[in-house]
Protein backbone atom coordinates (compact mmCIF):
# COMPACT_ATOMS: atom_id res chain seq x y z
CA UNK A 1 -23.51 -4.16 30.74
CA UNK A 2 -24.09 -2.79 27.26
CA UNK A 3 -27.53 -0.88 27.26
CA UNK A 4 -30.75 -1.76 24.97
CA UNK A 5 -32.44 1.09 23.21
CA UNK A 6 -35.86 1.22 23.01
CA UNK A 7 -37.41 3.64 20.35
CA UNK A 8 -41.16 3.84 20.35
CA UNK A 9 -43.76 6.93 20.16
CA UNK A 10 -45.74 5.72 22.59
CA UNK A 11 -44.75 6.45 25.93
CA UNK A 12 -46.67 3.81 28.07
CA UNK A 13 -44.93 1.01 25.43
CA UNK A 14 -41.38 2.22 25.75
CA UNK A 15 -41.69 2.76 29.29
CA UNK A 16 -43.39 -0.62 30.38
CA UNK A 17 -40.82 -2.54 27.93
CA UNK A 18 -38.03 -0.32 29.81
CA UNK A 19 -39.49 -1.61 33.40
CA UNK A 20 -39.75 -5.04 32.39
CA UNK A 21 -35.80 -5.46 31.10
CA UNK A 22 -34.69 -3.41 33.96
CA UNK A 23 -36.54 -5.91 36.27
CA UNK A 24 -34.38 -8.60 34.55
CA UNK A 25 -31.00 -7.00 35.07
CA UNK A 26 -30.55 -5.04 31.84
CA UNK A 27 -29.63 -1.48 31.18
CA UNK A 28 -32.08 0.53 29.66
CA UNK A 29 -32.18 3.87 27.02
CA UNK A 30 -35.63 5.38 25.90
CA UNK A 31 -35.90 7.56 22.59
CA UNK A 32 -39.52 8.90 21.35
CA UNK A 33 -38.45 9.78 18.28
CA UNK A 34 -36.10 9.38 15.02
CA UNK A 35 -34.20 12.53 16.62
CA UNK A 36 -33.60 11.29 19.88
CA UNK A 37 -32.97 7.53 18.79
CA UNK A 38 -29.86 8.57 16.20
CA UNK A 39 -28.36 10.84 18.97
CA UNK A 40 -28.61 8.05 21.64
CA UNK A 41 -26.92 5.80 19.03
CA UNK A 42 -24.17 8.29 18.00
CA UNK A 43 -23.70 9.12 21.67
CA UNK A 44 -23.09 5.05 22.14
CA UNK A 45 -23.96 2.18 20.02
CA UNK A 46 -26.28 0.02 21.71
CA UNK A 47 -25.97 -3.68 22.56
CA UNK A 48 -29.64 -4.34 20.89
CA UNK A 49 -32.27 -1.51 19.67
CA UNK A 50 -35.75 -2.49 19.95
CA UNK A 51 -37.59 0.00 17.74
CA UNK A 52 -41.19 0.45 16.56
CA UNK A 53 -42.21 0.57 12.92
CA UNK A 54 -44.34 3.54 12.87
CA UNK A 55 -42.88 6.85 14.69
CA UNK A 56 -45.41 9.86 14.93
CA UNK A 57 -43.97 13.05 14.17
CA UNK A 58 -40.53 11.95 13.39
CA UNK A 59 -38.42 12.64 10.29
CA UNK A 60 -37.47 8.67 9.40
CA UNK A 61 -39.81 5.82 10.31
CA UNK A 62 -38.41 2.80 11.45
CA UNK A 63 -37.25 1.03 8.29
CA UNK A 64 -35.22 4.05 7.49
CA UNK A 65 -33.70 4.02 11.16
CA UNK A 66 -32.98 0.19 10.88
CA UNK A 67 -31.21 1.12 7.39
CA UNK A 68 -29.21 3.75 9.02
CA UNK A 69 -27.72 1.29 11.87
CA UNK A 70 -27.52 -1.69 9.98
CA UNK A 71 -25.39 0.98 7.81
CA UNK A 72 -23.04 2.62 10.17
CA UNK A 73 -23.75 0.08 13.27
CA UNK A 74 -24.38 -3.26 11.72
CA UNK A 75 -23.05 -5.79 14.74
CA UNK A 76 -26.03 -4.08 16.47
CA UNK A 77 -29.21 -6.45 16.42
CA UNK A 78 -32.24 -4.69 15.72
CA UNK A 79 -36.01 -6.08 16.94
CA UNK A 80 -38.86 -4.54 15.23
CA UNK A 81 -41.91 -4.21 16.82
CA UNK A 82 -45.38 -3.09 15.35
CA UNK A 83 -49.30 -2.61 16.10
CA UNK A 84 -49.90 -2.86 12.49
CA UNK A 85 -47.96 -5.85 11.80
CA UNK A 86 -48.19 -8.10 8.98
CA UNK A 87 -46.01 -10.49 6.93
CA UNK A 88 -45.00 -8.12 4.53
CA UNK A 89 -43.72 -5.82 7.05
CA UNK A 90 -41.91 -8.49 8.81
CA UNK A 91 -40.19 -9.61 5.73
CA UNK A 92 -39.41 -6.19 4.61
CA UNK A 93 -37.50 -5.93 8.26
CA UNK A 94 -35.84 -9.11 7.42
CA UNK A 95 -34.72 -8.00 4.58
CA UNK A 96 -33.18 -4.79 5.76
CA UNK A 97 -31.26 -6.56 8.34
CA UNK A 98 -33.73 -6.47 11.16
CA UNK A 99 -32.91 -9.34 14.10
CA UNK A 100 -36.55 -10.31 14.75
CA UNK A 101 -39.98 -9.08 14.43
CA UNK A 102 -42.66 -9.38 17.19
CA UNK A 103 -46.00 -7.92 16.70
CA UNK A 104 -47.79 -5.64 19.25
CA UNK A 105 -49.78 -6.76 21.71
CA UNK A 106 -46.77 -8.73 22.55
CA UNK A 107 -46.46 -11.47 25.20
CA UNK A 108 -43.95 -10.74 27.76
CA UNK A 109 -42.08 -14.34 27.99
CA UNK A 110 -42.14 -14.09 23.74
CA UNK A 111 -40.53 -10.53 23.96
CA UNK A 112 -37.88 -11.92 26.62
CA UNK A 113 -37.02 -14.84 24.47
CA UNK A 114 -36.44 -12.87 21.67
CA UNK A 115 -34.24 -9.98 23.61
CA UNK A 116 -32.38 -13.27 25.51
CA UNK A 117 -31.65 -14.22 22.11
CA UNK A 118 -30.36 -10.97 20.38
CA UNK A 119 -27.88 -10.18 23.42
CA UNK A 120 -26.77 -13.35 23.43
CA UNK A 121 -25.81 -12.59 19.52
CA UNK A 122 -24.74 -9.13 20.73
CA UNK A 123 -22.10 -10.52 23.24
CA UNK A 124 -20.96 -12.95 20.41
CA UNK A 125 -20.33 -10.20 17.89
CA UNK A 126 -18.76 -8.09 20.54
CA UNK A 127 -16.27 -11.07 21.69
CA UNK A 128 -15.60 -11.73 17.90
CA UNK A 129 -14.56 -8.32 17.32
CA UNK A 130 -12.26 -8.44 20.38
CA UNK A 131 -10.82 -11.47 19.46
CA UNK A 132 -10.12 -9.89 15.66
CA UNK A 133 -8.37 -6.70 17.28
CA UNK A 134 -6.56 -8.63 19.90
CA UNK A 135 -5.01 -11.12 17.17
CA UNK A 136 -3.99 -8.31 14.62
CA UNK A 137 -2.53 -6.02 17.85
CA UNK A 138 -0.74 -9.35 18.76
CA UNK A 139 0.72 -9.59 15.03
CA UNK A 140 4.37 -8.43 15.39
CA UNK A 141 6.81 -7.26 12.73
CA UNK A 142 10.21 -8.80 13.60
CA UNK A 143 13.81 -8.14 12.54
CA UNK A 144 17.22 -5.95 13.33
CA UNK A 145 18.38 -5.79 10.42
CA UNK A 146 19.19 -1.96 8.71
CA UNK A 147 16.34 -2.76 6.09
CA UNK A 148 14.01 -3.79 8.43
CA UNK A 149 14.34 -0.79 10.92
CA UNK A 150 13.93 1.48 7.96
CA UNK A 151 10.79 -0.27 7.45
CA UNK A 152 9.55 -0.13 10.62
CA UNK A 153 10.63 3.66 11.26
CA UNK A 154 8.54 4.16 8.12
CA UNK A 155 5.17 2.28 9.52
CA UNK A 156 5.74 3.93 12.61
CA UNK A 157 5.14 7.81 11.11
CA UNK A 158 2.00 6.85 8.94
CA UNK A 159 0.11 4.77 11.97
CA UNK A 160 -1.39 7.74 13.50
CA UNK A 161 -2.66 9.57 10.50
CA UNK A 162 -5.32 8.78 7.80
CA UNK A 163 -2.73 8.90 5.04
CA UNK A 164 -3.02 6.16 2.30
CA UNK A 165 -0.27 4.03 1.89
CA UNK A 166 0.78 2.19 -1.24
CA UNK A 167 3.28 -0.57 -0.14
CA UNK A 168 5.32 -2.35 -2.89
CA UNK A 169 7.69 -5.35 -2.77
CA UNK A 170 8.16 -8.85 -4.00
CA UNK A 171 5.60 -11.57 -3.49
CA UNK A 172 5.60 -13.00 0.09
CA UNK A 173 7.81 -9.98 1.55
CA UNK A 174 4.85 -9.03 4.26
CA UNK A 175 2.80 -6.30 2.61
CA UNK A 176 -0.09 -7.64 4.45
CA UNK A 177 1.66 -7.46 7.70
CA UNK A 178 2.95 -4.34 7.46
CA UNK A 179 -0.66 -3.23 6.82
CA UNK A 180 -1.77 -4.79 9.57
CA UNK A 181 0.77 -3.48 11.78
CA UNK A 182 -0.41 -0.20 10.54
CA UNK A 183 -4.03 -1.28 11.40
CA UNK A 184 -2.95 -2.35 14.73
CA UNK A 185 -1.18 0.76 16.02
CA UNK A 186 -3.57 3.42 14.56
CA UNK A 187 -6.58 5.00 15.90
CA UNK A 188 -8.95 2.49 13.99
CA UNK A 189 -7.63 -0.49 15.47
CA UNK A 190 -10.84 -1.19 17.00
CA UNK A 191 -12.64 -0.77 13.43
CA UNK A 192 -12.63 -3.81 10.79
CA UNK A 193 -9.58 -4.41 8.91
CA UNK A 194 -10.62 -5.29 5.53
CA UNK A 195 -8.91 -7.28 2.65
CA UNK A 196 -9.87 -7.01 -0.69
CA UNK A 197 -7.71 -9.71 -3.03
CA UNK A 198 -8.21 -8.05 -6.21
CA UNK A 199 -5.93 -11.13 -7.84
CA UNK A 200 -8.63 -13.34 -6.69
CA UNK A 201 -11.70 -12.02 -7.33
CA UNK A 202 -13.51 -12.79 -10.15
CA UNK A 203 -13.71 -9.36 -12.47
CA UNK A 204 -17.56 -9.44 -13.16
CA UNK A 205 -18.13 -9.85 -9.60
CA UNK A 206 -15.79 -7.43 -8.10
CA UNK A 207 -17.91 -4.66 -7.92
CA UNK A 208 -20.92 -6.91 -6.45
CA UNK A 209 -18.16 -7.74 -3.83
CA UNK A 210 -16.96 -4.28 -3.41
CA UNK A 211 -20.17 -2.45 -3.13
CA UNK A 212 -22.75 -5.05 -2.09
CA UNK A 213 -26.27 -5.37 -3.41
CA UNK A 214 -30.01 -5.20 -3.17
CA UNK A 215 -32.47 -7.30 -4.81
CA UNK A 216 -36.15 -8.22 -3.96
CA UNK A 217 -35.62 -11.41 -3.22
CA UNK A 218 -32.24 -11.27 -0.58
CA UNK A 219 -33.02 -7.83 0.67
CA UNK A 220 -29.50 -5.87 1.59
CA UNK A 221 -26.38 -7.63 1.35
CA UNK A 222 -22.74 -5.46 2.31
CA UNK A 223 -20.23 -5.52 0.49
CA UNK A 224 -16.53 -5.44 1.42
CA UNK A 225 -16.55 -1.44 1.62
CA UNK A 226 -19.53 -1.52 3.97
CA UNK A 227 -17.77 -4.03 6.03
CA UNK A 228 -14.94 -1.74 6.05
CA UNK A 229 -16.32 1.34 7.68
CA UNK A 230 -14.86 3.14 10.20
CA UNK A 231 -11.76 0.91 9.29
CA UNK A 232 -9.02 0.35 6.81
CA UNK A 233 -9.44 -1.31 3.46
CA UNK A 234 -6.41 -2.97 2.27
CA UNK A 235 -6.37 -3.25 -1.83
CA UNK A 236 -4.24 -6.62 -2.33
CA UNK A 237 -2.49 -6.75 -5.30
CA UNK A 238 -4.32 -3.37 -6.77
CA UNK A 239 -3.06 -3.39 -10.11
CA UNK A 240 -5.21 -6.63 -10.77
CA UNK A 241 -7.98 -4.48 -10.34
CA UNK A 242 -10.43 -3.99 -13.23
CA UNK A 243 -10.34 -0.83 -15.11
CA UNK A 244 -13.96 -0.05 -14.86
CA UNK A 245 -13.82 -1.03 -10.53
CA UNK A 246 -10.70 1.42 -10.55
CA UNK A 247 -13.18 4.65 -12.11
CA UNK A 248 -15.63 3.54 -9.39
CA UNK A 249 -13.14 3.08 -6.33
CA UNK A 250 -11.66 6.49 -7.63
CA UNK A 251 -15.29 8.11 -7.08
CA UNK A 252 -15.34 6.30 -3.78
CA UNK A 253 -12.43 7.90 -2.84
CA UNK A 254 -13.51 11.29 -4.02
CA UNK A 255 -17.08 11.27 -2.39
CA UNK A 256 -16.65 8.62 0.44
CA UNK A 257 -19.80 7.06 -0.94
CA UNK A 258 -21.40 4.75 -3.28
CA UNK A 259 -24.06 3.18 -4.62
CA UNK A 260 -24.97 -0.67 -3.91
CA UNK A 261 -25.74 -2.45 -7.05
CA UNK A 262 -29.58 -2.37 -7.62
CA UNK A 263 -29.88 -0.02 -4.75
CA UNK A 264 -31.04 3.54 -5.10
CA UNK A 265 -29.64 4.88 -1.51
CA UNK A 266 -26.06 6.45 -1.25
CA UNK A 267 -24.09 4.61 1.23
CA UNK A 268 -21.77 6.72 3.24
CA UNK A 269 -18.44 5.21 4.43
CA UNK A 270 -15.40 6.35 6.37
CA UNK A 271 -12.19 4.76 5.25
CA UNK A 272 -8.67 4.31 5.38
CA UNK A 273 -6.93 3.44 2.20
CA UNK A 274 -3.89 0.82 2.31
CA UNK A 275 -3.09 -0.84 -1.03
CA UNK A 276 -0.38 -2.82 -2.32
CA UNK A 277 1.46 -4.35 -5.59
CA UNK A 278 4.30 -6.42 -6.58
CA UNK A 279 4.32 -4.76 -10.08
CA UNK A 280 5.52 -1.53 -11.38
CA UNK A 281 2.36 0.53 -11.40
CA UNK A 282 3.93 3.24 -13.36
CA UNK A 283 4.38 0.77 -16.58
CA UNK A 284 0.97 -0.68 -15.82
CA UNK A 285 -0.41 3.30 -16.34
CA UNK A 286 2.04 3.33 -19.42
CA UNK A 287 0.31 0.35 -20.73
CA UNK A 288 -2.90 1.61 -20.06
CA UNK A 289 -3.76 -1.18 -17.51
CA UNK A 290 -3.90 1.17 -14.56
CA UNK A 291 -5.52 4.72 -13.97
CA UNK A 292 -3.36 7.37 -13.29
CA UNK A 293 -5.73 9.41 -11.16
CA UNK A 294 -6.15 6.14 -8.99
CA UNK A 295 -2.53 5.94 -8.56
CA UNK A 296 -2.42 9.72 -7.58
CA UNK A 297 -4.97 9.10 -5.13
CA UNK A 298 -3.65 5.64 -3.89
CA UNK A 299 0.11 6.53 -3.61
CA UNK A 300 0.22 9.35 -1.04
CA UNK A 301 2.75 7.50 1.47
CA UNK A 302 4.76 5.09 -1.01
CA UNK A 303 6.56 2.42 1.53
CA UNK A 304 8.80 -0.10 0.20
CA UNK A 305 9.01 -3.49 1.79
CA UNK A 306 12.08 -5.57 1.28
CA UNK A 307 12.77 -8.89 -0.02
CA UNK A 308 13.87 -11.44 2.16
CA UNK A 309 17.46 -11.60 0.78
CA UNK A 310 18.09 -7.95 1.68
CA UNK A 311 17.49 -8.80 5.47
CA UNK A 312 19.03 -12.15 6.03
CA UNK A 313 20.52 -11.15 9.02
CA UNK A 314 16.24 -11.25 10.61
CA UNK A 315 16.19 -15.13 8.98
CA UNK A 316 17.06 -16.68 12.20
CA UNK A 317 14.59 -14.54 14.24
CA UNK A 318 11.63 -15.56 12.05
CA UNK A 319 12.69 -19.13 11.57
CA UNK A 320 12.15 -19.35 15.57
CA UNK A 321 9.03 -17.11 15.26
CA UNK A 322 7.53 -19.54 12.80
CA UNK A 323 8.51 -22.87 15.05
CA UNK A 324 7.01 -21.46 18.38
CA UNK A 325 4.29 -20.15 15.86
CA UNK A 326 3.70 -24.11 14.67
CA UNK A 327 3.87 -25.61 17.73
CA UNK A 328 1.15 -23.38 19.39
CA UNK A 329 -1.32 -23.23 16.53
CA UNK A 330 -0.66 -27.13 15.13
CA UNK A 331 1.51 -28.74 18.59
CA UNK A 332 4.13 -29.44 16.13
CA UNK A 333 7.64 -29.64 18.18
CA UNK A 334 9.35 -26.97 19.49
CA UNK A 335 12.78 -26.97 18.06
CA UNK A 336 15.64 -24.71 18.09
CA UNK A 337 17.84 -24.81 15.23
CA UNK A 338 21.70 -25.69 15.02
CA UNK A 339 24.57 -23.00 14.18
CA UNK A 340 24.78 -24.75 10.56
CA UNK A 341 20.61 -24.61 10.21
CA UNK A 342 21.15 -20.89 10.73
CA UNK A 343 23.94 -20.25 8.67
CA UNK A 344 22.17 -22.81 5.66
CA UNK A 345 18.89 -20.89 6.29
CA UNK A 346 20.73 -17.85 5.87
CA UNK A 347 22.34 -18.66 2.75
CA UNK A 348 19.57 -20.18 1.15
CA UNK A 349 18.18 -18.06 -1.62
CA UNK A 350 14.42 -17.23 -1.14
CA UNK A 351 12.27 -15.90 -4.05
CA UNK A 352 9.37 -16.62 -2.02
CA UNK A 353 10.35 -14.34 0.98
CA UNK A 354 8.98 -14.59 4.59
CA UNK A 355 6.04 -16.79 2.83
CA UNK A 356 8.85 -19.24 1.47
CA UNK A 357 10.56 -19.34 5.05
CA UNK A 358 7.59 -20.01 6.53
CA UNK A 359 6.91 -22.90 4.37
CA UNK A 360 10.00 -24.33 4.61
CA UNK A 361 9.72 -24.16 8.37
CA UNK A 362 6.38 -26.27 8.47
CA UNK A 363 7.91 -28.60 6.33
CA UNK A 364 10.82 -29.62 8.43
CA UNK A 365 8.55 -29.51 11.61
CA UNK A 366 6.04 -32.02 10.08
CA UNK A 367 8.65 -34.19 7.85
CA UNK A 368 11.82 -34.18 10.59
CA UNK A 369 13.58 -36.35 12.51
CA UNK A 370 12.99 -35.66 15.89
CA UNK A 371 12.69 -32.94 18.83
CA UNK A 372 16.23 -32.05 19.07
CA UNK A 373 17.68 -28.92 16.95
CA UNK A 374 17.03 -28.55 13.40
CA UNK A 375 20.14 -29.39 11.55
CA UNK A 376 20.77 -28.20 8.42
CA UNK A 377 20.91 -31.84 6.24
CA UNK A 378 16.96 -31.36 7.28
CA UNK A 379 16.38 -28.65 5.08
CA UNK A 380 15.36 -28.71 1.54
CA UNK A 381 17.95 -28.14 -1.10
CA UNK A 382 20.76 -29.50 1.06
CA UNK A 383 22.43 -32.42 0.19
CA UNK A 384 24.78 -34.10 2.96
CA UNK A 385 28.53 -34.64 1.61
CA UNK A 386 29.58 -37.34 -0.68
CA UNK A 387 31.50 -40.39 0.10
CA UNK A 388 34.27 -39.92 2.83
CA UNK A 389 32.97 -36.16 3.25
CA UNK A 390 33.60 -35.44 -0.46
CA UNK A 391 31.60 -32.75 -1.91
CA UNK A 392 30.34 -33.18 -5.25
CA UNK A 393 30.87 -30.49 -7.67
CA UNK A 394 29.06 -28.39 -9.93
CA UNK A 395 29.17 -29.17 -13.49
CA UNK A 396 30.51 -25.70 -14.12
CA UNK A 397 33.15 -25.80 -11.74
CA UNK A 398 34.05 -29.08 -12.32
CA UNK A 399 35.72 -28.01 -15.66
CA UNK A 400 37.65 -24.68 -14.69
CA UNK A 401 41.32 -24.70 -14.44
CA UNK A 402 42.44 -24.98 -10.45
CA UNK A 403 42.99 -21.39 -10.24
CA UNK A 404 39.58 -20.33 -11.80
CA UNK A 405 37.93 -22.47 -9.85
CA UNK A 406 39.36 -21.56 -6.64
CA UNK A 407 38.64 -17.76 -7.73
CA UNK A 408 35.01 -18.48 -8.89
CA UNK A 409 34.59 -20.62 -5.11
CA UNK A 410 36.12 -17.54 -3.21
CA UNK A 411 34.24 -14.89 -5.08
CA UNK A 412 30.36 -16.63 -4.24
CA UNK A 413 31.54 -17.59 -0.86
CA UNK A 414 32.53 -14.39 0.26
CA UNK A 415 29.45 -12.83 -1.79
CA UNK A 416 27.08 -15.68 0.46
CA UNK A 417 28.83 -14.65 3.53
CA UNK A 418 28.35 -10.95 2.95
CA UNK A 419 25.14 -10.99 2.10
CA UNK A 420 24.13 -13.70 5.24
CA UNK A 421 25.76 -10.81 7.72
CA UNK A 422 23.74 -7.80 6.11
CA UNK A 423 27.22 -6.37 4.42
CA UNK A 424 29.08 -6.28 8.26
CA UNK A 425 32.62 -6.57 7.30
CA UNK A 426 33.80 -7.34 10.97
CA UNK A 427 31.65 -10.02 11.44
CA UNK A 428 32.05 -11.54 7.94
CA UNK A 429 35.96 -11.66 8.30
CA UNK A 430 35.28 -13.21 12.25
CA UNK A 431 33.34 -15.76 10.96
CA UNK A 432 35.42 -16.78 7.96
CA UNK A 433 39.44 -16.25 10.02
CA UNK A 434 40.44 -13.59 8.11
CA UNK A 435 41.70 -10.04 9.40
CA UNK A 436 38.92 -7.39 8.84
CA UNK A 437 41.73 -5.46 6.05
CA UNK A 438 42.90 -8.76 4.33
CA UNK A 439 39.21 -9.36 3.62
CA UNK A 440 38.74 -5.90 2.36
CA UNK A 441 42.19 -6.55 0.09
CA UNK A 442 41.03 -10.01 -0.90
CA UNK A 443 37.19 -8.39 -2.10
CA UNK A 444 38.92 -5.74 -3.86
CA UNK A 445 40.88 -8.43 -5.60
CA UNK A 446 37.78 -10.28 -6.62
CA UNK A 447 35.84 -7.53 -8.06
CA UNK A 448 33.06 -7.57 -4.78
CA UNK A 449 31.86 -3.84 -4.24
CA UNK A 450 28.70 -1.99 -2.46
CA UNK A 451 25.18 -2.69 -3.52
CA UNK A 452 23.70 0.03 -1.50
CA UNK A 453 21.91 -2.36 0.66
CA UNK A 454 24.19 -3.99 2.90
CA UNK A 455 25.47 -6.37 0.97
CA UNK A 456 27.93 -6.98 -1.83
CA UNK A 457 27.66 -7.55 -5.59
CA UNK A 458 30.31 -8.21 -8.55
CA UNK A 459 31.76 -5.76 -10.52
CA UNK A 460 34.36 -5.51 -13.00
CA UNK A 461 35.59 -1.67 -11.67
CA UNK A 462 38.54 -0.78 -9.64
CA UNK A 463 36.44 0.72 -7.15
CA UNK A 464 38.31 1.17 -4.01
CA UNK A 465 37.00 0.08 -0.58
CA UNK A 466 36.68 2.52 2.51
CA UNK A 467 38.66 0.90 5.22
CA UNK A 468 36.65 2.93 7.88
CA UNK A 469 33.39 1.59 6.57
CA UNK A 470 31.92 -1.38 8.91
CA UNK A 471 30.14 -2.86 6.34
CA UNK A 472 29.88 -3.36 2.46
CA UNK A 473 27.07 -0.47 1.16
CA UNK A 474 26.70 1.19 4.21
CA UNK A 475 24.63 4.39 4.07
CA UNK A 476 26.81 7.43 3.26
């Protein structure tokens, strides 16, 4: 059981409270002044602190200690006691974050009721923290494609450092998942992971949300930066942050401290910063919408998160992961995928990336035909063959002469299969039923060349293929 820290300058009082709590089975530590108190907290944050408001011969009084504790260890409940108690002191203590206030001389039964409730609050906060930590740690990065392995290798390198990371990539590609992976595998895994949604916070509220505020009516209200103390703050879509806020964030990064709105005290924070963007920040800088100095501070380690179209090999694995996830969380049917459904998923366009794939799987499970394997015809955007197995031709294809239509079909079909198999020529050849050398010749005749990302693209050049390569676009 975590200990209770009793802070009182009167030896008789602190030892009396300590004896009472020990008799009730609690572990107790004692402190006579502010220096002893802060040393005890720094050695091990208590589950609960019972704090006298007046401390003789101390550098800080109880309110000062309360402020420091709520800043550095906000989950620790603090019960204020005082022999000079009045309603003004009680209100001031509660506004500064105290759990409760007890006036001396106190009733033992009253003390035990407050302590029991405060310890239960402390227990629940620890459990919530543990659950959040396990949830983040359990989040997996799934994939086996070349693009995914490159991303994973880069993320592994930055997990143990405190370097600032800038994640770029299209919307829905998994930038927040990458940030959470860094957090879960870092030495800050047990500390908070706080997301700042720059695009959804009203610009006129941004500074209040980030820095918090102090008002006579509501007391001290922590902002997101203060809540992230000791952990990671993740600026999602950082390009949407107002220019005025950008300059203040820059100062926080330099000084590691800030002042709450309406407050006068400096709040010191220990933060690691991860940012993400779907925009070209250099273009934003050129347009005057983003500060060069902030970009330089945030872009210490740039990492690009690939689009789902660049890692099509991972789609079946991701789809099955989402099926299992929705089965556990929503009780939706636990279904498999047919080969045709896998192939269809790998060839579909995914402008919304992994987020869109997740939404498609959820939709199919909710509206699907039953508990058997998911079939291609259940996927959105697919159409069943026409009458007697006929395929309906698109307008452009139907107007071409046979030779041009056949060439267009072959080119698009082979491009689709190459991208589906991540650019692997051997696997593509096996699927389409061609010899690898014959497929190379066909691709050359159709003008399909490497795109450098493990897939294929069209070209009007006569570039030769290297028959020794196993994949179109294989890295040098």
